[in-house]
């Protein structure tokens, strides 16, 4: 039987694109809903047939449509 390594194997990822030489950092643009800044929340609605997507959230509350389904963040307008 072969001896197993006693030290854990660490996997490192490549540097982020923003820190790579020659790459420009892109700024994040915020989205707004009724004048409030929107944050993302990963919504997992697969159990009810909605799928999985980033939903819009303002002040800790999901923004829901008339059917009670969370609104995807990408559908809201970008802040000026």
PDB file of N, CA and C in Angstrom:
ATOM      1  N   UNK A   1       0.832  -1.162   0.000  1.00  0.00           N
ATOM      2  CA  UNK A   1       0.000   0.000   0.000  1.00  0.00           C
ATOM      3  C   UNK A   1       0.891   1.245   0.000  1.00  0.00           C
ATOM      4  N   UNK A   2       0.560   2.201  -0.855  1.00  0.00           N
ATOM      5  CA  UNK A   2       1.371   3.410  -0.990  1.00  0.00           C
ATOM      6  C   UNK A   2       1.063   4.370   0.150  1.00  0.00           C
ATOM      7  N   UNK A   3       2.099   5.110   0.537  1.00  0.00           N
ATOM      8  CA  UNK A   3       1.907   6.106   1.587  1.00  0.00           C
ATOM      9  C   UNK A   3       1.154   7.301   1.017  1.00  0.00           C
ATOM     10  N   UNK A   4       0.146   7.760   1.738  1.00  0.00           N
ATOM     11  CA  UNK A   4      -0.614   8.927   1.322  1.00  0.00           C
ATOM     12  C   UNK A   4       0.079  10.183   1.825  1.00  0.00           C
ATOM     13  N   UNK A   5      -0.006  11.277   1.078  1.00  0.00           N
ATOM     14  CA  UNK A   5       0.634  12.509   1.550  1.00  0.00           C
ATOM     15  C   UNK A   5      -0.046  13.001   2.827  1.00  0.00           C
ATOM     16  N   UNK A   6       0.756  13.491   3.751  1.00  0.00           N
ATOM     17  CA  UNK A   6       0.212  13.968   5.013  1.00  0.00           C
ATOM     18  C   UNK A   6      -0.238  15.424   4.928  1.00  0.00           C
ATOM     19  N   UNK A   7       0.284  16.177   3.975  1.00  0.00           N
ATOM     20  CA  UNK A   7      -0.098  17.575   3.808  1.00  0.00           C
ATOM     21  C   UNK A   7      -1.266  17.666   2.826  1.00  0.00           C
ATOM     22  N   UNK A   8      -2.247  18.523   3.095  1.00  0.00           N
ATOM     23  CA  UNK A   8      -3.350  18.675   2.148  1.00  0.00           C
ATOM     24  C   UNK A   8      -2.859  19.337   0.860  1.00  0.00           C
ATOM     25  N   UNK A   9      -3.506  18.986  -0.225  1.00  0.00           N
ATOM     26  CA  UNK A   9      -3.182  19.584  -1.517  1.00  0.00           C
ATOM     27  C   UNK A   9      -4.019  20.839  -1.665  1.00  0.00           C
ATOM     28  N   UNK A  10      -3.376  21.958  -1.893  1.00  0.00           N
ATOM     29  CA  UNK A  10      -4.077  23.225  -2.049  1.00  0.00           C
ATOM     30  C   UNK A  10      -4.203  23.563  -3.520  1.00  0.00           C
ATOM     31  N   UNK A  11      -5.378  23.931  -3.915  1.00  0.00           N
ATOM     32  CA  UNK A  11      -5.624  24.341  -5.292  1.00  0.00           C
ATOM     33  C   UNK A  11      -5.796  25.854  -5.301  1.00  0.00           C
ATOM     34  N   UNK A  12      -5.013  26.508  -6.103  1.00  0.00           N
ATOM     35  CA  UNK A  12      -5.116  27.958  -6.190  1.00  0.00           C
ATOM     36  C   UNK A  12      -5.750  28.333  -7.517  1.00  0.00           C
ATOM     37  N   UNK A  13      -6.479  29.416  -7.491  1.00  0.00           N
ATOM     38  CA  UNK A  13      -7.093  29.893  -8.721  1.00  0.00           C
ATOM     39  C   UNK A  13      -6.178  30.930  -9.354  1.00  0.00           C
ATOM     40  N   UNK A  14      -6.414  31.196 -10.621  1.00  0.00           N
ATOM     41  CA  UNK A  14      -5.634  32.213 -11.309  1.00  0.00           C
ATOM     42  C   UNK A  14      -6.049  33.589 -10.789  1.00  0.00           C
ATOM     43  N   UNK A  15      -5.209  34.573 -10.945  1.00  0.00           N
ATOM     44  CA  UNK A  15      -5.570  35.916 -10.465  1.00  0.00           C
ATOM     45  C   UNK A  15      -6.826  36.431 -11.164  1.00  0.00           C
ATOM     46  N   UNK A  16      -7.548  37.286 -10.473  1.00  0.00           N
ATOM     47  CA  UNK A  16      -8.758  37.838 -11.063  1.00  0.00           C
ATOM     48  C   UNK A  16      -8.387  38.714 -12.261  1.00  0.00           C
ATOM     49  N   UNK A  17      -9.292  38.865 -13.218  1.00  0.00           N
ATOM     50  CA  UNK A  17      -8.987  39.681 -14.403  1.00  0.00           C
ATOM     51  C   UNK A  17      -8.606  41.119 -14.061  1.00  0.00           C
ATOM     52  N   UNK A  18      -9.116  41.638 -12.949  1.00  0.00           N
ATOM     53  CA  UNK A  18      -8.816  43.024 -12.589  1.00  0.00           C
ATOM     54  C   UNK A  18      -7.360  43.194 -12.171  1.00  0.00           C
ATOM     55  N   UNK A  19      -6.720  42.128 -11.699  1.00  0.00           N
ATOM     56  CA  UNK A  19      -5.341  42.247 -11.238  1.00  0.00           C
ATOM     57  C   UNK A  19      -4.332  41.764 -12.266  1.00  0.00           C
ATOM     58  N   UNK A  20      -4.786  41.213 -13.371  1.00  0.00           N
ATOM     59  CA  UNK A  20      -3.858  40.741 -14.387  1.00  0.00           C
ATOM     60  C   UNK A  20      -3.255  41.932 -15.118  1.00  0.00           C
ATOM     61  N   UNK A  21      -1.987  41.803 -15.481  1.00  0.00           N
ATOM     62  CA  UNK A  21      -1.289  42.893 -16.142  1.00  0.00           C
ATOM     63  C   UNK A  21      -1.927  43.183 -17.501  1.00  0.00           C
ATOM     64  N   UNK A  22      -2.160  44.438 -17.764  1.00  0.00           N
ATOM     65  CA  UNK A  22      -2.714  44.844 -19.047  1.00  0.00           C
ATOM     66  C   UNK A  22      -4.234  44.812 -19.103  1.00  0.00           C
ATOM     67  N   UNK A  23      -4.876  44.341 -18.065  1.00  0.00           N
ATOM     68  CA  UNK A  23      -6.341  44.277 -18.049  1.00  0.00           C
ATOM     69  C   UNK A  23      -6.880  45.502 -17.326  1.00  0.00           C
ATOM     70  N   UNK A  24      -7.977  46.026 -17.800  1.00  0.00           N
ATOM     71  CA  UNK A  24      -8.599  47.169 -17.167  1.00  0.00           C
ATOM     72  C   UNK A  24      -9.734  46.696 -16.261  1.00  0.00           C
ATOM     73  N   UNK A  25      -9.844  47.347 -15.128  1.00  0.00           N
ATOM     74  CA  UNK A  25     -10.898  47.018 -14.173  1.00  0.00           C
ATOM     75  C   UNK A  25     -12.201  47.668 -14.631  1.00  0.00           C
ATOM     76  N   UNK A  26     -13.264  46.902 -14.665  1.00  0.00           N
ATOM     77  CA  UNK A  26     -14.555  47.453 -15.035  1.00  0.00           C
ATOM     78  C   UNK A  26     -15.301  47.829 -13.765  1.00  0.00           C
ATOM     79  N   UNK A  27     -16.010  48.934 -13.805  1.00  0.00           N
ATOM     80  CA  UNK A  27     -16.764  49.353 -12.635  1.00  0.00           C
ATOM     81  C   UNK A  27     -18.135  48.706 -12.640  1.00  0.00           C
ATOM     82  N   UNK A  28     -18.647  48.461 -11.451  1.00  0.00           N
ATOM     83  CA  UNK A  28     -19.959  47.849 -11.300  1.00  0.00           C
ATOM     84  C   UNK A  28     -21.016  48.943 -11.373  1.00  0.00           C
ATOM     85  N   UNK A  29     -22.057  48.681 -12.145  1.00  0.00           N
ATOM     86  CA  UNK A  29     -23.149  49.639 -12.249  1.00  0.00           C
ATOM     87  C   UNK A  29     -24.310  49.141 -11.422  1.00  0.00           C
ATOM     88  N   UNK A  30     -24.887  50.037 -10.656  1.00  0.00           N
ATOM     89  CA  UNK A  30     -25.987  49.677  -9.772  1.00  0.00           C
ATOM     90  C   UNK A  30     -27.314  49.759 -10.497  1.00  0.00           C
ATOM     91  N   UNK A  31     -28.265  49.005  -9.997  1.00  0.00           N
ATOM     92  CA  UNK A  31     -29.625  49.053 -10.512  1.00  0.00           C
ATOM     93  C   UNK A  31     -30.504  49.706  -9.460  1.00  0.00           C
ATOM     94  N   UNK A  32     -31.600  50.326  -9.910  1.00  0.00           N
ATOM     95  CA  UNK A  32     -32.481  51.033  -8.990  1.00  0.00           C
ATOM     96  C   UNK A  32     -33.915  50.542  -9.132  1.00  0.00           C
ATOM     97  N   UNK A  33     -34.658  50.649  -8.033  1.00  0.00           N
ATOM     98  CA  UNK A  33     -36.085  50.316  -8.007  1.00  0.00           C
ATOM     99  C   UNK A  33     -36.741  51.324  -7.075  1.00  0.00           C
ATOM    100  N   UNK A  34     -37.624  52.159  -7.607  1.00  0.00           N
ATOM    101  CA  UNK A  34     -38.286  53.229  -6.842  1.00  0.00           C
ATOM    102  C   UNK A  34     -37.275  54.109  -6.112  1.00  0.00           C
ATOM    103  N   UNK A  35     -36.167  54.411  -6.773  1.00  0.00           N
ATOM    104  CA  UNK A  35     -35.152  55.279  -6.200  1.00  0.00           C
ATOM    105  C   UNK A  35     -34.218  54.606  -5.205  1.00  0.00           C
ATOM    106  N   UNK A  36     -34.410  53.337  -4.922  1.00  0.00           N
ATOM    107  CA  UNK A  36     -33.578  52.600  -3.964  1.00  0.00           C
ATOM    108  C   UNK A  36     -32.572  51.731  -4.703  1.00  0.00           C
ATOM    109  N   UNK A  37     -31.374  51.575  -4.104  1.00  0.00           N
ATOM    110  CA  UNK A  37     -30.332  50.726  -4.683  1.00  0.00           C
ATOM    111  C   UNK A  37     -30.733  49.263  -4.526  1.00  0.00           C
ATOM    112  N   UNK A  38     -30.569  48.498  -5.594  1.00  0.00           N
ATOM    113  CA  UNK A  38     -30.952  47.084  -5.616  1.00  0.00           C
ATOM    114  C   UNK A  38     -29.719  46.223  -5.387  1.00  0.00           C
ATOM    115  N   UNK A  39     -29.875  45.171  -4.574  1.00  0.00           N
ATOM    116  CA  UNK A  39     -28.833  44.173  -4.381  1.00  0.00           C
ATOM    117  C   UNK A  39     -29.317  42.846  -4.940  1.00  0.00           C
ATOM    118  N   UNK A  40     -28.377  41.933  -5.156  1.00  0.00           N
ATOM    119  CA  UNK A  40     -28.706  40.620  -5.705  1.00  0.00           C
ATOM    120  C   UNK A  40     -28.933  39.606  -4.604  1.00  0.00           C
ATOM    121  N   UNK A  41     -29.828  38.674  -4.861  1.00  0.00           N
ATOM    122  CA  UNK A  41     -30.040  37.522  -3.989  1.00  0.00           C
ATOM    123  C   UNK A  41     -30.224  36.320  -4.899  1.00  0.00           C
ATOM    124  N   UNK A  42     -29.459  35.267  -4.678  1.00  0.00           N
ATOM    125  CA  UNK A  42     -29.591  34.070  -5.498  1.00  0.00           C
ATOM    126  C   UNK A  42     -30.886  33.369  -5.120  1.00  0.00           C
ATOM    127  N   UNK A  43     -31.826  33.339  -6.047  1.00  0.00           N
ATOM    128  CA  UNK A  43     -33.140  32.740  -5.823  1.00  0.00           C
ATOM    129  C   UNK A  43     -33.162  31.344  -6.419  1.00  0.00           C
ATOM    130  N   UNK A  44     -33.505  30.369  -5.603  1.00  0.00           N
ATOM    131  CA  UNK A  44     -33.611  28.989  -6.061  1.00  0.00           C
ATOM    132  C   UNK A  44     -35.077  28.585  -5.991  1.00  0.00           C
ATOM    133  N   UNK A  45     -35.769  28.723  -7.127  1.00  0.00           N
ATOM    134  CA  UNK A  45     -37.181  28.379  -7.188  1.00  0.00           C
ATOM    135  C   UNK A  45     -37.437  27.135  -8.018  1.00  0.00           C
ATOM    136  N   UNK A  46     -36.441  26.269  -8.125  1.00  0.00           N
ATOM    137  CA  UNK A  46     -36.590  25.062  -8.939  1.00  0.00           C
ATOM    138  C   UNK A  46     -37.674  24.135  -8.405  1.00  0.00           C
ATOM    139  N   UNK A  47     -37.894  24.138  -7.106  1.00  0.00           N
ATOM    140  CA  UNK A  47     -38.895  23.248  -6.517  1.00  0.00           C
ATOM    141  C   UNK A  47     -40.307  23.624  -6.951  1.00  0.00           C
ATOM    142  N   UNK A  48     -40.517  24.890  -7.315  1.00  0.00           N
ATOM    143  CA  UNK A  48     -41.846  25.342  -7.730  1.00  0.00           C
ATOM    144  C   UNK A  48     -41.892  25.707  -9.212  1.00  0.00           C
ATOM    145  N   UNK A  49     -40.827  25.359  -9.950  1.00  0.00           N
ATOM    146  CA  UNK A  49     -40.820  25.568 -11.389  1.00  0.00           C
ATOM    147  C   UNK A  49     -40.371  26.941 -11.846  1.00  0.00           C
ATOM    148  N   UNK A  50     -39.753  27.722 -10.971  1.00  0.00           N
ATOM    149  CA  UNK A  50     -39.295  29.061 -11.351  1.00  0.00           C
ATOM    150  C   UNK A  50     -37.870  29.093 -11.853  1.00  0.00           C
ATOM    151  N   UNK A  51     -37.083  28.094 -11.576  1.00  0.00           N
ATOM    152  CA  UNK A  51     -35.684  28.091 -11.975  1.00  0.00           C
ATOM    153  C   UNK A  51     -34.821  28.743 -10.919  1.00  0.00           C
ATOM    154  N   UNK A  52     -33.568  29.014 -11.309  1.00  0.00           N
ATOM    155  CA  UNK A  52     -32.595  29.588 -10.384  1.00  0.00           C
ATOM    156  C   UNK A  52     -31.984  30.819 -11.044  1.00  0.00           C
ATOM    157  N   UNK A  53     -32.043  31.971 -10.364  1.00  0.00           N
ATOM    158  CA  UNK A  53     -31.524  33.200 -10.940  1.00  0.00           C
ATOM    159  C   UNK A  53     -31.266  34.219  -9.829  1.00  0.00           C
ATOM    160  N   UNK A  54     -30.598  35.330 -10.195  1.00  0.00           N
ATOM    161  CA  UNK A  54     -30.372  36.401  -9.237  1.00  0.00           C
ATOM    162  C   UNK A  54     -31.609  37.288  -9.213  1.00  0.00           C
ATOM    163  N   UNK A  55     -32.238  37.357  -8.056  1.00  0.00           N
ATOM    164  CA  UNK A  55     -33.438  38.161  -7.870  1.00  0.00           C
ATOM    165  C   UNK A  55     -33.060  39.509  -7.266  1.00  0.00           C
ATOM    166  N   UNK A  56     -33.915  40.504  -7.497  1.00  0.00           N
ATOM    167  CA  UNK A  56     -33.683  41.853  -6.980  1.00  0.00           C
ATOM    168  C   UNK A  56     -34.176  41.945  -5.544  1.00  0.00           C
ATOM    169  N   UNK A  57     -33.374  42.642  -4.711  1.00  0.00           N
ATOM    170  CA  UNK A  57     -33.713  42.800  -3.309  1.00  0.00           C
ATOM    171  C   UNK A  57     -33.411  44.239  -2.890  1.00  0.00           C
ATOM    172  N   UNK A  58     -34.356  44.862  -2.167  1.00  0.00           N
ATOM    173  CA  UNK A  58     -34.183  46.221  -1.661  1.00  0.00           C
ATOM    174  C   UNK A  58     -34.457  46.191  -0.158  1.00  0.00           C
ATOM    175  N   UNK A  59     -33.521  46.717   0.611  1.00  0.00           N
ATOM    176  CA  UNK A  59     -33.648  46.784   2.073  1.00  0.00           C
ATOM    177  C   UNK A  59     -33.956  45.416   2.683  1.00  0.00           C
ATOM    178  N   UNK A  60     -33.358  44.367   2.155  1.00  0.00           N
ATOM    179  CA  UNK A  60     -33.535  43.027   2.704  1.00  0.00           C
ATOM    180  C   UNK A  60     -34.819  42.325   2.296  1.00  0.00           C
ATOM    181  N   UNK A  61     -35.617  42.929   1.416  1.00  0.00           N
ATOM    182  CA  UNK A  61     -36.873  42.338   0.972  1.00  0.00           C
ATOM    183  C   UNK A  61     -36.823  42.069  -0.526  1.00  0.00           C
ATOM    184  N   UNK A  62     -37.237  40.868  -0.943  1.00  0.00           N
ATOM    185  CA  UNK A  62     -37.292  40.557  -2.368  1.00  0.00           C
ATOM    186  C   UNK A  62     -38.370  41.392  -3.037  1.00  0.00           C
ATOM    187  N   UNK A  63     -38.108  41.805  -4.263  1.00  0.00           N
ATOM    188  CA  UNK A  63     -39.102  42.532  -5.054  1.00  0.00           C
ATOM    189  C   UNK A  63     -39.897  41.484  -5.823  1.00  0.00           C
ATOM    190  N   UNK A  64     -41.197  41.442  -5.603  1.00  0.00           N
ATOM    191  CA  UNK A  64     -42.054  40.425  -6.206  1.00  0.00           C
ATOM    192  C   UNK A  64     -42.951  41.036  -7.273  1.00  0.00           C
ATOM    193  N   UNK A  65     -43.298  40.218  -8.280  1.00  0.00           N
ATOM    194  CA  UNK A  65     -44.253  40.669  -9.291  1.00  0.00           C
ATOM    195  C   UNK A  65     -45.670  40.402  -8.786  1.00  0.00           C
ATOM    196  N   UNK A  66     -46.668  40.632  -9.625  1.00  0.00           N
ATOM    197  CA  UNK A  66     -48.059  40.490  -9.191  1.00  0.00           C
ATOM    198  C   UNK A  66     -48.433  39.039  -8.856  1.00  0.00           C
ATOM    199  N   UNK A  67     -47.662  38.073  -9.355  1.00  0.00           N
ATOM    200  CA  UNK A  67     -47.932  36.663  -9.060  1.00  0.00           C
ATOM    201  C   UNK A  67     -47.171  36.156  -7.844  1.00  0.00           C
ATOM    202  N   UNK A  68     -46.355  37.000  -7.241  1.00  0.00           N
ATOM    203  CA  UNK A  68     -45.574  36.603  -6.076  1.00  0.00           C
ATOM    204  C   UNK A  68     -44.230  35.990  -6.412  1.00  0.00           C
ATOM    205  N   UNK A  69     -43.824  36.079  -7.674  1.00  0.00           N
ATOM    206  CA  UNK A  69     -42.532  35.546  -8.109  1.00  0.00           C
ATOM    207  C   UNK A  69     -41.485  36.657  -8.052  1.00  0.00           C
ATOM    208  N   UNK A  70     -40.283  36.387  -7.493  1.00  0.00           N
ATOM    209  CA  UNK A  70     -39.238  37.415  -7.437  1.00  0.00           C
ATOM    210  C   UNK A  70     -38.830  37.895  -8.834  1.00  0.00           C
ATOM    211  N   UNK A  71     -38.574  39.198  -8.942  1.00  0.00           N
ATOM    212  CA  UNK A  71     -38.182  39.803 -10.212  1.00  0.00           C
ATOM    213  C   UNK A  71     -36.675  39.616 -10.415  1.00  0.00           C
ATOM    214  N   UNK A  72     -36.241  39.140 -11.586  1.00  0.00           N
ATOM    215  CA  UNK A  72     -34.802  39.028 -11.855  1.00  0.00           C
ATOM    216  C   UNK A  72     -34.144  40.414 -11.869  1.00  0.00           C
ATOM    217  N   UNK A  73     -32.946  40.499 -11.310  1.00  0.00           N
ATOM    218  CA  UNK A  73     -32.242  41.773 -11.237  1.00  0.00           C
ATOM    219  C   UNK A  73     -31.990  42.360 -12.608  1.00  0.00           C
ATOM    220  N   UNK A  74     -31.712  41.526 -13.592  1.00  0.00           N
ATOM    221  CA  UNK A  74     -31.369  42.011 -14.929  1.00  0.00           C
ATOM    222  C   UNK A  74     -32.520  42.759 -15.610  1.00  0.00           C
ATOM    223  N   UNK A  75     -33.743  42.629 -15.131  1.00  0.00           N
ATOM    224  CA  UNK A  75     -34.877  43.311 -15.735  1.00  0.00           C
ATOM    225  C   UNK A  75     -35.054  44.745 -15.244  1.00  0.00           C
ATOM    226  N   UNK A  76     -34.329  45.130 -14.200  1.00  0.00           N
ATOM    227  CA  UNK A  76     -34.446  46.479 -13.671  1.00  0.00           C
ATOM    228  C   UNK A  76     -33.459  47.419 -14.376  1.00  0.00           C
ATOM    229  N   UNK A  77     -33.806  48.716 -14.474  1.00  0.00           N
ATOM    230  CA  UNK A  77     -32.914  49.652 -15.179  1.00  0.00           C
ATOM    231  C   UNK A  77     -31.639  49.950 -14.391  1.00  0.00           C
ATOM    232  N   UNK A  78     -30.595  50.302 -15.133  1.00  0.00           N
ATOM    233  CA  UNK A  78     -29.337  50.704 -14.518  1.00  0.00           C
ATOM    234  C   UNK A  78     -29.449  52.117 -13.978  1.00  0.00           C
ATOM    235  N   UNK A  79     -28.724  52.387 -12.902  1.00  0.00           N
ATOM    236  CA  UNK A  79     -28.695  53.731 -12.333  1.00  0.00           C
ATOM    237  C   UNK A  79     -27.944  54.652 -13.277  1.00  0.00           C
ATOM    238  N   UNK A  80     -28.314  55.927 -13.315  1.00  0.00           N
ATOM    239  CA  UNK A  80     -27.595  56.862 -14.197  1.00  0.00           C
ATOM    240  C   UNK A  80     -26.177  57.111 -13.756  1.00  0.00           C
TER     241      UNK A  80
END
